[in-house]
């Protein structure tokens, strides 16, 4: 995935201390975003909660948009890393897809979903977030396409990507069905449907 917050961010820190500070800022902003939503992420408040001055915070993230882009990017990378870890440990492509579907729905109904839903909102208002939205989803399609290709040896790359888009649409919708709770039966039904789509 390209660096989606590059349009806003200064160069990444070169020292371990700078990287640790950047990580602390991101975690602080993430907590505020989850607790209070978009309007709750105020640069001065983030700086105070991270025990730093506003000027020091702006050294790392010059604007609120740069900070939010970095938070969303880190969340997407975390979700992609989960998919990769599941694929590395899996013996069976069918079980892998079911586990991937269930894992992502659980994450997207929780804190991860609160963070990444911001991306859809911001993509409607700011061009750099539209680019980021596209890049994040393309990365998910590519990861899911690898699992789909393992299910069907005859599927080409283009068709695997098409099926990955459909599975992602299913996951996005299922994760929004909050009235369904964490019902194991519901997750099984979504996984069954994802397998049907993946097999074509």
N, C-alpha and C. Protein backbone atom coordinates (compact mmCIF):
# COMPACT_ATOMS: atom_id res chain seq x y z
N UNK A 1 0.85 -1.17 0.00
CA UNK A 1 0.00 0.00 0.00
C UNK A 1 0.89 1.23 0.00
N UNK A 2 0.55 2.19 -0.83
CA UNK A 2 1.28 3.45 -0.85
C UNK A 2 1.13 4.15 0.49
N UNK A 3 1.96 5.14 0.72
CA UNK A 3 1.88 5.90 1.97
C UNK A 3 0.71 6.88 1.84
N UNK A 4 -0.47 6.54 2.36
CA UNK A 4 -1.65 7.34 2.12
C UNK A 4 -1.67 8.68 2.83
N UNK A 5 -0.87 8.83 3.88
CA UNK A 5 -0.89 10.11 4.56
C UNK A 5 0.27 11.00 4.11
N UNK A 6 0.94 10.62 3.00
CA UNK A 6 2.10 11.38 2.53
C UNK A 6 1.73 12.80 2.14
N UNK A 7 0.50 13.01 1.70
CA UNK A 7 0.09 14.35 1.32
C UNK A 7 0.04 15.31 2.49
N UNK A 8 0.09 14.80 3.71
CA UNK A 8 -0.02 15.64 4.89
C UNK A 8 1.20 15.58 5.81
N UNK A 9 1.90 14.50 5.81
CA UNK A 9 2.85 14.24 6.89
C UNK A 9 4.25 14.74 6.58
N UNK A 10 4.97 15.09 7.63
CA UNK A 10 6.38 15.39 7.50
C UNK A 10 7.12 14.05 7.37
N UNK A 11 8.43 14.12 7.14
CA UNK A 11 9.22 12.90 7.03
C UNK A 11 9.09 12.07 8.30
N UNK A 12 9.10 10.73 8.17
CA UNK A 12 9.00 9.88 9.37
C UNK A 12 10.22 10.10 10.28
N UNK A 13 10.04 9.90 11.56
CA UNK A 13 11.15 10.10 12.50
C UNK A 13 12.32 9.18 12.18
N UNK A 14 13.52 9.69 12.39
CA UNK A 14 14.72 8.91 12.09
C UNK A 14 15.28 8.20 13.31
N UNK A 15 14.90 8.66 14.48
CA UNK A 15 15.43 8.05 15.70
C UNK A 15 14.39 7.14 16.35
N UNK A 16 14.87 6.29 17.23
CA UNK A 16 13.96 5.42 17.98
C UNK A 16 13.03 6.24 18.88
N UNK A 17 13.59 7.27 19.47
CA UNK A 17 12.80 8.13 20.34
C UNK A 17 11.70 8.83 19.52
N UNK A 18 12.05 9.31 18.33
CA UNK A 18 11.07 9.96 17.47
C UNK A 18 9.98 9.00 17.04
N UNK A 19 10.38 7.75 16.72
CA UNK A 19 9.39 6.74 16.32
C UNK A 19 8.47 6.40 17.50
N UNK A 20 9.04 6.34 18.70
CA UNK A 20 8.23 6.05 19.89
C UNK A 20 7.25 7.19 20.16
N UNK A 21 7.72 8.42 19.99
CA UNK A 21 6.84 9.57 20.19
C UNK A 21 5.71 9.56 19.17
N UNK A 22 6.06 9.29 17.93
CA UNK A 22 5.04 9.21 16.88
C UNK A 22 4.00 8.13 17.21
N UNK A 23 4.47 6.99 17.66
CA UNK A 23 3.57 5.90 18.04
C UNK A 23 2.66 6.30 19.20
N UNK A 24 3.20 7.02 20.18
CA UNK A 24 2.41 7.48 21.32
C UNK A 24 1.33 8.46 20.86
N UNK A 25 1.69 9.34 19.94
CA UNK A 25 0.71 10.30 19.40
C UNK A 25 -0.41 9.55 18.69
N UNK A 26 -0.04 8.59 17.85
CA UNK A 26 -1.05 7.83 17.10
C UNK A 26 -1.98 7.08 18.03
N UNK A 27 -1.43 6.45 19.06
CA UNK A 27 -2.27 5.70 19.99
C UNK A 27 -3.20 6.64 20.76
N UNK A 28 -2.69 7.80 21.15
CA UNK A 28 -3.52 8.78 21.85
C UNK A 28 -4.66 9.25 20.96
N UNK A 29 -4.35 9.60 19.71
CA UNK A 29 -5.38 10.07 18.78
C UNK A 29 -6.38 8.96 18.48
N UNK A 30 -5.91 7.73 18.37
CA UNK A 30 -6.81 6.59 18.12
C UNK A 30 -7.80 6.43 19.27
N UNK A 31 -7.29 6.48 20.50
CA UNK A 31 -8.18 6.37 21.67
C UNK A 31 -9.24 7.48 21.67
N UNK A 32 -8.81 8.70 21.36
CA UNK A 32 -9.74 9.83 21.34
C UNK A 32 -10.78 9.65 20.23
N UNK A 33 -10.34 9.17 19.08
CA UNK A 33 -11.25 8.95 17.97
C UNK A 33 -12.31 7.90 18.33
N UNK A 34 -11.89 6.83 18.95
CA UNK A 34 -12.81 5.76 19.35
C UNK A 34 -13.79 6.26 20.42
N UNK A 35 -13.27 7.02 21.37
CA UNK A 35 -14.11 7.48 22.49
C UNK A 35 -15.06 8.61 22.08
N UNK A 36 -14.56 9.55 21.27
CA UNK A 36 -15.32 10.78 21.03
C UNK A 36 -15.62 11.08 19.56
N UNK A 37 -15.19 10.20 18.67
CA UNK A 37 -15.46 10.42 17.25
C UNK A 37 -14.56 11.49 16.64
N UNK A 38 -14.85 11.80 15.40
CA UNK A 38 -14.06 12.75 14.61
C UNK A 38 -13.89 14.09 15.32
N UNK A 39 -14.98 14.64 15.84
CA UNK A 39 -14.92 15.95 16.49
C UNK A 39 -14.12 15.93 17.78
N UNK A 40 -13.92 14.76 18.34
CA UNK A 40 -13.16 14.66 19.58
C UNK A 40 -11.65 14.71 19.39
N UNK A 41 -11.19 14.60 18.15
CA UNK A 41 -9.75 14.63 17.88
C UNK A 41 -9.37 16.08 17.60
N UNK A 42 -8.98 16.78 18.65
CA UNK A 42 -8.56 18.18 18.58
C UNK A 42 -7.07 18.20 18.87
N UNK A 43 -6.30 18.85 18.01
CA UNK A 43 -4.84 18.80 18.12
C UNK A 43 -4.35 19.20 19.52
N UNK A 44 -4.87 20.27 20.07
CA UNK A 44 -4.44 20.73 21.39
C UNK A 44 -4.72 19.65 22.45
N UNK A 45 -5.87 19.01 22.35
CA UNK A 45 -6.22 17.95 23.31
C UNK A 45 -5.34 16.71 23.14
N UNK A 46 -5.04 16.37 21.89
CA UNK A 46 -4.14 15.24 21.64
C UNK A 46 -2.78 15.53 22.24
N UNK A 47 -2.27 16.74 22.01
CA UNK A 47 -0.96 17.12 22.56
C UNK A 47 -0.97 17.00 24.09
N UNK A 48 -2.00 17.52 24.72
CA UNK A 48 -2.08 17.45 26.18
C UNK A 48 -2.13 16.02 26.68
N UNK A 49 -2.95 15.18 26.03
CA UNK A 49 -3.07 13.78 26.45
C UNK A 49 -1.79 13.00 26.20
N UNK A 50 -1.01 13.43 25.19
CA UNK A 50 0.26 12.76 24.89
C UNK A 50 1.42 13.39 25.65
N UNK A 51 1.10 14.33 26.55
CA UNK A 51 2.09 14.99 27.40
C UNK A 51 3.19 15.68 26.58
N UNK A 52 2.73 16.54 25.64
CA UNK A 52 3.66 17.29 24.81
C UNK A 52 3.02 18.62 24.44
N UNK A 53 3.81 19.50 23.89
CA UNK A 53 3.27 20.79 23.46
C UNK A 53 2.61 20.63 22.09
N UNK A 54 1.75 21.57 21.77
CA UNK A 54 1.11 21.57 20.45
C UNK A 54 2.16 21.70 19.35
N UNK A 55 3.15 22.55 19.57
CA UNK A 55 4.21 22.72 18.57
C UNK A 55 4.98 21.44 18.31
N UNK A 56 5.25 20.68 19.38
CA UNK A 56 5.95 19.41 19.20
C UNK A 56 5.08 18.42 18.44
N UNK A 57 3.79 18.38 18.76
CA UNK A 57 2.87 17.51 18.02
C UNK A 57 2.86 17.87 16.54
N UNK A 58 2.83 19.16 16.25
CA UNK A 58 2.77 19.59 14.85
C UNK A 58 4.08 19.34 14.11
N UNK A 59 5.15 19.10 14.84
CA UNK A 59 6.39 18.67 14.19
C UNK A 59 6.17 17.30 13.53
N UNK A 60 5.40 16.45 14.19
CA UNK A 60 5.12 15.11 13.66
C UNK A 60 3.92 15.12 12.70
N UNK A 61 2.89 15.87 13.07
CA UNK A 61 1.66 15.92 12.28
C UNK A 61 1.21 17.38 12.20
N UNK A 62 1.48 18.06 11.08
CA UNK A 62 1.20 19.49 11.01
C UNK A 62 -0.28 19.85 11.10
N UNK A 63 -1.16 18.94 10.74
CA UNK A 63 -2.59 19.23 10.76
C UNK A 63 -3.36 18.05 11.35
N UNK A 64 -4.59 18.30 11.71
CA UNK A 64 -5.46 17.23 12.20
C UNK A 64 -5.67 16.18 11.11
N UNK A 65 -5.80 16.62 9.86
CA UNK A 65 -5.99 15.68 8.75
C UNK A 65 -4.79 14.75 8.60
N UNK A 66 -3.57 15.31 8.76
CA UNK A 66 -2.37 14.47 8.69
C UNK A 66 -2.37 13.42 9.79
N UNK A 67 -2.78 13.83 10.98
CA UNK A 67 -2.83 12.91 12.11
C UNK A 67 -3.89 11.83 11.88
N UNK A 68 -5.07 12.22 11.44
CA UNK A 68 -6.13 11.24 11.20
C UNK A 68 -5.76 10.28 10.07
N UNK A 69 -5.11 10.81 9.04
CA UNK A 69 -4.66 9.93 7.94
C UNK A 69 -3.69 8.87 8.45
N UNK A 70 -2.79 9.28 9.33
CA UNK A 70 -1.82 8.33 9.88
C UNK A 70 -2.50 7.30 10.78
N UNK A 71 -3.49 7.72 11.56
CA UNK A 71 -4.22 6.79 12.43
C UNK A 71 -4.95 5.75 11.57
N UNK A 72 -5.65 6.21 10.54
CA UNK A 72 -6.41 5.29 9.69
C UNK A 72 -5.45 4.37 8.93
N UNK A 73 -4.35 4.91 8.45
CA UNK A 73 -3.37 4.09 7.73
C UNK A 73 -2.81 2.98 8.62
N UNK A 74 -2.48 3.32 9.86
CA UNK A 74 -1.96 2.32 10.80
C UNK A 74 -3.00 1.24 11.08
N UNK A 75 -4.27 1.64 11.17
CA UNK A 75 -5.34 0.67 11.42
C UNK A 75 -5.49 -0.29 10.24
N UNK A 76 -5.46 0.26 9.04
CA UNK A 76 -5.57 -0.58 7.84
C UNK A 76 -4.39 -1.54 7.75
N UNK A 77 -3.21 -1.06 8.05
CA UNK A 77 -2.03 -1.94 8.03
C UNK A 77 -2.15 -3.06 9.05
N UNK A 78 -2.73 -2.76 10.20
CA UNK A 78 -2.94 -3.78 11.23
C UNK A 78 -3.90 -4.86 10.73
N UNK A 79 -4.99 -4.44 10.08
CA UNK A 79 -5.95 -5.40 9.54
C UNK A 79 -5.32 -6.26 8.44
N UNK A 80 -4.53 -5.63 7.58
CA UNK A 80 -3.85 -6.38 6.51
C UNK A 80 -2.84 -7.36 7.10
N UNK A 81 -2.15 -6.95 8.15
CA UNK A 81 -1.19 -7.85 8.80
C UNK A 81 -1.91 -9.06 9.40
N UNK A 82 -3.11 -8.86 9.94
CA UNK A 82 -3.90 -9.98 10.46
C UNK A 82 -4.23 -10.97 9.35
N UNK A 83 -4.62 -10.46 8.19
CA UNK A 83 -4.94 -11.34 7.06
C UNK A 83 -3.71 -12.14 6.66
N UNK A 84 -2.57 -11.48 6.59
CA UNK A 84 -1.33 -12.18 6.20
C UNK A 84 -0.95 -13.25 7.22
N UNK A 85 -1.09 -12.92 8.51
CA UNK A 85 -0.76 -13.90 9.56
C UNK A 85 -1.67 -15.12 9.46
N UNK A 86 -2.95 -14.89 9.23
CA UNK A 86 -3.88 -16.02 9.09
C UNK A 86 -3.48 -16.89 7.90
N UNK A 87 -3.09 -16.25 6.79
CA UNK A 87 -2.71 -17.01 5.60
C UNK A 87 -1.44 -17.83 5.85
N UNK A 88 -0.50 -17.26 6.59
CA UNK A 88 0.76 -17.97 6.88
C UNK A 88 0.52 -19.23 7.72
N UNK A 89 -0.49 -19.18 8.59
CA UNK A 89 -0.74 -20.30 9.51
C UNK A 89 -1.72 -21.33 8.96
N UNK A 90 -2.40 -21.00 7.88
CA UNK A 90 -3.49 -21.86 7.41
C UNK A 90 -2.98 -23.03 6.57
N UNK A 91 -3.65 -24.17 6.75
CA UNK A 91 -3.35 -25.34 5.93
C UNK A 91 -4.37 -25.51 4.81
N UNK A 92 -5.57 -25.05 5.06
CA UNK A 92 -6.68 -25.29 4.15
C UNK A 92 -7.27 -23.95 3.70
N UNK A 93 -7.35 -23.69 2.37
CA UNK A 93 -7.87 -22.39 1.88
C UNK A 93 -9.31 -22.12 2.31
N UNK A 94 -10.13 -23.14 2.42
CA UNK A 94 -11.53 -22.94 2.81
C UNK A 94 -11.60 -22.46 4.26
N UNK A 95 -10.87 -23.13 5.14
CA UNK A 95 -10.83 -22.71 6.54
C UNK A 95 -10.22 -21.32 6.66
N UNK A 96 -9.21 -21.05 5.86
CA UNK A 96 -8.58 -19.73 5.87
C UNK A 96 -9.59 -18.64 5.53
N UNK A 97 -10.38 -18.83 4.49
CA UNK A 97 -11.34 -17.79 4.12
C UNK A 97 -12.38 -17.61 5.22
N UNK A 98 -12.88 -18.71 5.77
CA UNK A 98 -13.87 -18.60 6.85
C UNK A 98 -13.29 -17.83 8.04
N UNK A 99 -12.08 -18.17 8.44
CA UNK A 99 -11.44 -17.52 9.58
C UNK A 99 -11.18 -16.05 9.28
N UNK A 100 -10.73 -15.75 8.07
CA UNK A 100 -10.48 -14.36 7.67
C UNK A 100 -11.76 -13.54 7.74
N UNK A 101 -12.84 -14.08 7.19
CA UNK A 101 -14.14 -13.39 7.19
C UNK A 101 -14.59 -13.11 8.63
N UNK A 102 -14.55 -14.12 9.46
CA UNK A 102 -15.02 -13.96 10.83
C UNK A 102 -14.14 -13.01 11.63
N UNK A 103 -12.83 -13.08 11.42
CA UNK A 103 -11.90 -12.18 12.11
C UNK A 103 -12.16 -10.73 11.72
N UNK A 104 -12.30 -10.48 10.43
CA UNK A 104 -12.49 -9.10 9.97
C UNK A 104 -13.83 -8.53 10.43
N UNK A 105 -14.87 -9.33 10.39
CA UNK A 105 -16.17 -8.81 10.85
C UNK A 105 -16.09 -8.46 12.33
N UNK A 106 -15.48 -9.32 13.13
CA UNK A 106 -15.36 -9.02 14.56
C UNK A 106 -14.56 -7.73 14.78
N UNK A 107 -13.44 -7.59 14.05
CA UNK A 107 -12.64 -6.38 14.20
C UNK A 107 -13.41 -5.14 13.75
N UNK A 108 -14.08 -5.24 12.60
CA UNK A 108 -14.75 -4.08 12.02
C UNK A 108 -16.00 -3.69 12.79
N UNK A 109 -16.51 -4.59 13.63
CA UNK A 109 -17.63 -4.22 14.51
C UNK A 109 -17.12 -3.56 15.78
N UNK A 110 -15.84 -3.62 16.00
CA UNK A 110 -15.26 -3.06 17.21
C UNK A 110 -14.49 -1.77 16.93
N UNK A 111 -13.39 -1.61 17.63
CA UNK A 111 -12.61 -0.39 17.52
C UNK A 111 -12.07 -0.15 16.12
N UNK A 112 -11.61 -1.18 15.47
CA UNK A 112 -11.07 -1.02 14.12
C UNK A 112 -12.11 -0.44 13.17
N UNK A 113 -13.35 -0.87 13.31
CA UNK A 113 -14.42 -0.35 12.47
C UNK A 113 -14.69 1.12 12.72
N UNK A 114 -14.57 1.53 13.98
CA UNK A 114 -14.77 2.95 14.30
C UNK A 114 -13.70 3.80 13.65
N UNK A 115 -12.48 3.28 13.60
CA UNK A 115 -11.38 4.03 13.01
C UNK A 115 -11.53 4.07 11.48
N UNK A 116 -11.74 2.91 10.88
CA UNK A 116 -11.77 2.88 9.41
C UNK A 116 -13.03 3.48 8.82
N UNK A 117 -14.12 3.53 9.58
CA UNK A 117 -15.32 4.17 9.04
C UNK A 117 -15.09 5.66 8.82
N UNK A 118 -14.16 6.23 9.58
CA UNK A 118 -13.80 7.63 9.38
C UNK A 118 -13.26 7.86 7.97
N UNK A 119 -12.54 6.87 7.45
CA UNK A 119 -11.97 7.01 6.11
C UNK A 119 -13.06 7.23 5.07
N UNK A 120 -14.14 6.47 5.15
CA UNK A 120 -15.24 6.66 4.20
C UNK A 120 -15.85 8.04 4.29
N UNK A 121 -15.98 8.54 5.52
CA UNK A 121 -16.53 9.88 5.73
C UNK A 121 -15.60 10.94 5.12
N UNK A 122 -14.31 10.87 5.45
CA UNK A 122 -13.37 11.87 4.97
C UNK A 122 -13.15 11.78 3.46
N UNK A 123 -13.28 10.59 2.90
CA UNK A 123 -13.10 10.41 1.45
C UNK A 123 -14.14 11.19 0.66
N UNK A 124 -15.26 11.47 1.27
CA UNK A 124 -16.30 12.23 0.57
C UNK A 124 -16.02 13.73 0.59
N UNK A 125 -15.03 14.16 1.38
CA UNK A 125 -14.80 15.59 1.55
C UNK A 125 -13.41 16.07 1.13
N UNK A 126 -12.41 15.20 1.22
CA UNK A 126 -11.04 15.63 0.94
C UNK A 126 -10.38 14.69 -0.07
N UNK A 127 -9.81 15.25 -1.15
CA UNK A 127 -9.23 14.40 -2.21
C UNK A 127 -8.16 13.43 -1.73
N UNK A 128 -7.30 13.84 -0.80
CA UNK A 128 -6.24 12.93 -0.36
C UNK A 128 -6.84 11.70 0.34
N UNK A 129 -7.97 11.87 1.01
CA UNK A 129 -8.62 10.73 1.64
C UNK A 129 -9.32 9.85 0.62
N UNK A 130 -9.76 10.43 -0.50
CA UNK A 130 -10.31 9.60 -1.58
C UNK A 130 -9.24 8.67 -2.12
N UNK A 131 -8.04 9.22 -2.32
CA UNK A 131 -6.92 8.39 -2.80
C UNK A 131 -6.58 7.32 -1.77
N UNK A 132 -6.56 7.70 -0.51
CA UNK A 132 -6.25 6.76 0.55
C UNK A 132 -7.31 5.65 0.61
N UNK A 133 -8.57 6.02 0.51
CA UNK A 133 -9.68 5.06 0.51
C UNK A 133 -9.48 4.02 -0.59
N UNK A 134 -9.19 4.51 -1.78
CA UNK A 134 -8.96 3.60 -2.91
C UNK A 134 -7.77 2.68 -2.65
N UNK A 135 -6.68 3.25 -2.14
CA UNK A 135 -5.47 2.46 -1.90
C UNK A 135 -5.69 1.40 -0.82
N UNK A 136 -6.39 1.77 0.25
CA UNK A 136 -6.66 0.81 1.33
C UNK A 136 -7.50 -0.35 0.80
N UNK A 137 -8.56 -0.03 0.07
CA UNK A 137 -9.41 -1.10 -0.45
C UNK A 137 -8.68 -1.95 -1.49
N UNK A 138 -7.88 -1.34 -2.32
CA UNK A 138 -7.11 -2.13 -3.30
C UNK A 138 -6.17 -3.11 -2.59
N UNK A 139 -5.58 -2.68 -1.49
CA UNK A 139 -4.71 -3.57 -0.72
C UNK A 139 -5.50 -4.74 -0.15
N UNK A 140 -6.72 -4.49 0.35
CA UNK A 140 -7.57 -5.57 0.85
C UNK A 140 -7.96 -6.51 -0.28
N UNK A 141 -8.31 -5.97 -1.42
CA UNK A 141 -8.69 -6.83 -2.56
C UNK A 141 -7.53 -7.76 -2.92
N UNK A 142 -6.31 -7.21 -2.98
CA UNK A 142 -5.16 -8.04 -3.35
C UNK A 142 -4.92 -9.16 -2.33
N UNK A 143 -5.04 -8.83 -1.04
CA UNK A 143 -4.84 -9.85 -0.01
C UNK A 143 -5.90 -10.94 -0.09
N UNK A 144 -7.15 -10.55 -0.22
CA UNK A 144 -8.23 -11.54 -0.32
C UNK A 144 -8.14 -12.34 -1.61
N UNK A 145 -7.68 -11.71 -2.68
CA UNK A 145 -7.55 -12.41 -3.96
C UNK A 145 -6.56 -13.57 -3.85
N UNK A 146 -5.54 -13.43 -3.03
CA UNK A 146 -4.58 -14.53 -2.84
C UNK A 146 -5.26 -15.73 -2.21
N UNK A 147 -6.13 -15.50 -1.24
CA UNK A 147 -6.87 -16.59 -0.61
C UNK A 147 -7.85 -17.20 -1.59
N UNK A 148 -8.52 -16.37 -2.37
CA UNK A 148 -9.49 -16.86 -3.36
C UNK A 148 -8.80 -17.70 -4.42
N UNK A 149 -7.62 -17.26 -4.85
CA UNK A 149 -6.87 -18.03 -5.85
C UNK A 149 -6.48 -19.40 -5.30
N UNK A 150 -6.22 -19.50 -4.00
CA UNK A 150 -5.89 -20.79 -3.40
C UNK A 150 -7.09 -21.72 -3.37
N UNK A 151 -8.31 -21.16 -3.35
CA UNK A 151 -9.53 -21.97 -3.37
C UNK A 151 -9.83 -22.53 -4.75
N UNK A 152 -9.43 -21.81 -5.78
CA UNK A 152 -9.77 -22.17 -7.16
C UNK A 152 -8.53 -21.99 -8.02
N UNK A 153 -7.85 -23.10 -8.32
CA UNK A 153 -6.60 -23.05 -9.10
C UNK A 153 -6.79 -22.47 -10.49
N UNK A 154 -8.00 -22.54 -11.01
CA UNK A 154 -8.25 -22.08 -12.38
C UNK A 154 -8.62 -20.61 -12.49
N UNK A 155 -8.79 -19.95 -11.36
CA UNK A 155 -9.20 -18.55 -11.40
C UNK A 155 -8.02 -17.67 -11.79
N UNK A 156 -8.26 -16.74 -12.70
CA UNK A 156 -7.23 -15.79 -13.08
C UNK A 156 -7.16 -14.64 -12.09
N UNK A 157 -6.11 -13.85 -12.21
CA UNK A 157 -5.91 -12.73 -11.28
C UNK A 157 -7.06 -11.73 -11.33
N UNK A 158 -7.51 -11.41 -12.53
CA UNK A 158 -8.60 -10.44 -12.67
C UNK A 158 -9.89 -10.94 -12.03
N UNK A 159 -10.21 -12.21 -12.25
CA UNK A 159 -11.43 -12.77 -11.66
C UNK A 159 -11.30 -12.90 -10.15
N UNK A 160 -10.11 -13.26 -9.66
CA UNK A 160 -9.90 -13.34 -8.21
C UNK A 160 -10.10 -11.97 -7.57
N UNK A 161 -9.64 -10.92 -8.22
CA UNK A 161 -9.84 -9.56 -7.70
C UNK A 161 -11.32 -9.18 -7.72
N UNK A 162 -12.03 -9.57 -8.77
CA UNK A 162 -13.46 -9.27 -8.84
C UNK A 162 -14.20 -9.94 -7.68
N UNK A 163 -13.88 -11.20 -7.44
CA UNK A 163 -14.51 -11.93 -6.35
C UNK A 163 -14.12 -11.32 -4.99
N UNK A 164 -12.87 -10.87 -4.88
CA UNK A 164 -12.41 -10.24 -3.64
C UNK A 164 -13.20 -8.96 -3.37
N UNK A 165 -13.52 -8.21 -4.41
CA UNK A 165 -14.33 -6.99 -4.23
C UNK A 165 -15.72 -7.34 -3.71
N UNK A 166 -16.29 -8.40 -4.25
CA UNK A 166 -17.62 -8.82 -3.81
C UNK A 166 -17.60 -9.31 -2.36
N UNK A 167 -16.58 -10.08 -2.02
CA UNK A 167 -16.45 -10.56 -0.63
C UNK A 167 -16.26 -9.37 0.31
N UNK A 168 -15.45 -8.40 -0.10
CA UNK A 168 -15.24 -7.21 0.73
C UNK A 168 -16.53 -6.44 0.93
N UNK A 169 -17.34 -6.33 -0.13
CA UNK A 169 -18.64 -5.65 0.00
C UNK A 169 -19.52 -6.39 1.00
N UNK A 170 -19.50 -7.71 0.95
CA UNK A 170 -20.26 -8.51 1.91
C UNK A 170 -19.77 -8.25 3.34
N UNK A 171 -18.46 -8.22 3.53
CA UNK A 171 -17.89 -7.99 4.86
C UNK A 171 -18.23 -6.59 5.37
N UNK A 172 -18.12 -5.60 4.49
CA UNK A 172 -18.47 -4.23 4.89
C UNK A 172 -19.92 -4.18 5.37
N UNK A 173 -20.81 -4.77 4.61
CA UNK A 173 -22.23 -4.76 4.98
C UNK A 173 -22.49 -5.55 6.25
N UNK A 174 -21.89 -6.72 6.37
CA UNK A 174 -22.11 -7.56 7.56
C UNK A 174 -21.58 -6.88 8.81
N UNK A 175 -20.48 -6.17 8.68
CA UNK A 175 -19.92 -5.51 9.87
C UNK A 175 -20.81 -4.36 10.34
N UNK A 176 -21.66 -3.85 9.46
CA UNK A 176 -22.58 -2.77 9.83
C UNK A 176 -23.88 -3.28 10.44
N UNK A 177 -24.09 -4.56 10.40
CA UNK A 177 -25.33 -5.16 10.93
C UNK A 177 -25.21 -5.34 12.44
N UNK A 178 -25.13 -4.22 13.15
CA UNK A 178 -24.90 -4.27 14.59
C UNK A 178 -26.04 -4.94 15.34
N UNK A 179 -27.23 -4.91 14.78
CA UNK A 179 -28.36 -5.54 15.46
C UNK A 179 -28.25 -7.06 15.46
N UNK A 180 -27.32 -7.60 14.69
CA UNK A 180 -27.13 -9.05 14.66
C UNK A 180 -26.21 -9.51 15.79
N UNK A 181 -25.59 -8.59 16.48
CA UNK A 181 -24.71 -8.96 17.58
C UNK A 181 -23.52 -9.77 17.11
N UNK A 182 -22.95 -10.54 18.01
CA UNK A 182 -21.80 -11.38 17.68
C UNK A 182 -22.23 -12.82 17.46
N UNK A 183 -23.46 -13.00 17.02
CA UNK A 183 -24.01 -14.33 16.83
C UNK A 183 -23.10 -15.20 15.97
N UNK A 184 -22.71 -16.33 16.54
CA UNK A 184 -21.89 -17.28 15.78
C UNK A 184 -22.61 -17.76 14.53
N UNK A 185 -23.91 -17.94 14.63
CA UNK A 185 -24.69 -18.38 13.46
C UNK A 185 -24.62 -17.36 12.34
N UNK A 186 -24.76 -16.08 12.67
CA UNK A 186 -24.68 -15.02 11.66
C UNK A 186 -23.30 -15.01 11.00
N UNK A 187 -22.25 -15.11 11.81
CA UNK A 187 -20.90 -15.12 11.25
C UNK A 187 -20.69 -16.34 10.35
N UNK A 188 -21.24 -17.49 10.75
CA UNK A 188 -21.15 -18.68 9.90
C UNK A 188 -21.87 -18.47 8.57
N UNK A 189 -23.03 -17.84 8.62
CA UNK A 189 -23.78 -17.59 7.38
C UNK A 189 -23.03 -16.65 6.46
N UNK A 190 -22.41 -15.61 7.02
CA UNK A 190 -21.61 -14.68 6.21
C UNK A 190 -20.41 -15.42 5.61
N UNK A 191 -19.76 -16.25 6.41
CA UNK A 191 -18.61 -17.01 5.91
C UNK A 191 -19.03 -17.97 4.80
N UNK A 192 -20.20 -18.61 4.94
CA UNK A 192 -20.71 -19.50 3.89
C UNK A 192 -20.93 -18.74 2.59
N UNK A 193 -21.52 -17.55 2.71
CA UNK A 193 -21.77 -16.74 1.52
C UNK A 193 -20.47 -16.26 0.90
N UNK A 194 -19.50 -15.90 1.72
CA UNK A 194 -18.19 -15.48 1.20
C UNK A 194 -17.52 -16.62 0.43
N UNK A 195 -17.65 -17.85 0.96
CA UNK A 195 -17.09 -19.00 0.24
C UNK A 195 -17.79 -19.21 -1.09
N UNK A 196 -19.10 -19.05 -1.11
CA UNK A 196 -19.85 -19.20 -2.36
C UNK A 196 -19.37 -18.18 -3.39
N UNK A 197 -19.19 -16.95 -2.97
CA UNK A 197 -18.70 -15.90 -3.88
C UNK A 197 -17.28 -16.21 -4.34
N UNK A 198 -16.43 -16.62 -3.40
CA UNK A 198 -15.04 -16.88 -3.71
C UNK A 198 -14.87 -18.01 -4.71
N UNK A 199 -15.76 -18.98 -4.66
CA UNK A 199 -15.68 -20.11 -5.59
C UNK A 199 -16.31 -19.80 -6.94
N UNK A 200 -16.98 -18.66 -7.03
CA UNK A 200 -17.56 -18.25 -8.32
C UNK A 200 -18.88 -18.92 -8.58
